[in-house]
Amino acid sequence: MLLLVENNKNYHIQMKSIRWNEYAVFAYRIFLVYLFYFLPEYCF
C-alpha cells in the first residue's frame, strides 16, 4: 500500500483530498467495528 503510494506520488498529490476522504471513511468504519465487536467483551 505504502509502496504504491510512493510509486504514484504525483497522482497521489493530485487526488490528495479525495484519497484522504476515503481514508477517513475507511478508518471510521474500522473504528465502529472495533467499538461494536471488541468493547462488549470487556464491558460485559
Protein backbone atom coordinates (compact mmCIF):
# COMPACT_ATOMS: atom_id res chain seq x y z
CA MET A 1 0.00 0.00 0.00
CA LEU A 2 2.71 2.47 1.02
CA LEU A 3 4.88 1.37 -1.91
CA LEU A 4 2.02 2.03 -4.32
CA VAL A 5 1.56 5.49 -2.84
CA GLU A 6 5.29 6.21 -3.17
CA ASN A 7 5.39 4.98 -6.76
CA ASN A 8 2.36 7.07 -7.71
CA LYS A 9 3.27 10.13 -5.67
CA ASN A 10 2.34 12.65 -8.38
CA TYR A 11 -1.05 11.01 -8.88
CA HIS A 12 -1.46 10.82 -5.11
CA ILE A 13 -0.79 14.55 -4.78
CA GLN A 14 -3.36 15.33 -7.49
CA MET A 15 -6.00 13.17 -5.82
CA LYS A 16 -4.90 14.08 -2.31
CA SER A 17 -8.16 15.48 -0.96
CA ILE A 18 -10.28 12.66 -2.38
CA ARG A 19 -7.90 9.98 -1.12
CA TRP A 20 -7.79 11.45 2.39
CA ASN A 21 -11.59 11.48 2.34
CA GLU A 22 -11.64 7.77 1.51
CA TYR A 23 -9.03 7.02 4.18
CA ALA A 24 -11.07 8.91 6.77
CA VAL A 25 -14.25 6.96 5.96
CA PHE A 26 -12.34 3.66 5.97
CA ALA A 27 -10.73 4.42 9.35
CA TYR A 28 -14.11 5.49 10.76
CA ARG A 29 -15.70 2.19 9.70
CA ILE A 30 -12.86 0.22 11.30
CA PHE A 31 -13.33 2.28 14.48
CA LEU A 32 -17.05 1.47 14.56
CA VAL A 33 -16.34 -2.24 14.03
CA TYR A 34 -13.79 -2.07 16.87
CA LEU A 35 -16.33 -0.44 19.17
CA PHE A 36 -19.17 -2.87 18.48
CA TYR A 37 -17.15 -6.10 18.39
CA PHE A 38 -14.28 -5.67 20.86
CA LEU A 39 -15.59 -3.37 23.58
CA PRO A 40 -18.58 -5.56 24.61
CA GLU A 41 -16.12 -8.33 25.51
CA TYR A 42 -14.54 -6.05 28.11
CA CYS A 43 -17.72 -4.30 29.26
CA PHE A 44 -19.84 -7.40 29.83
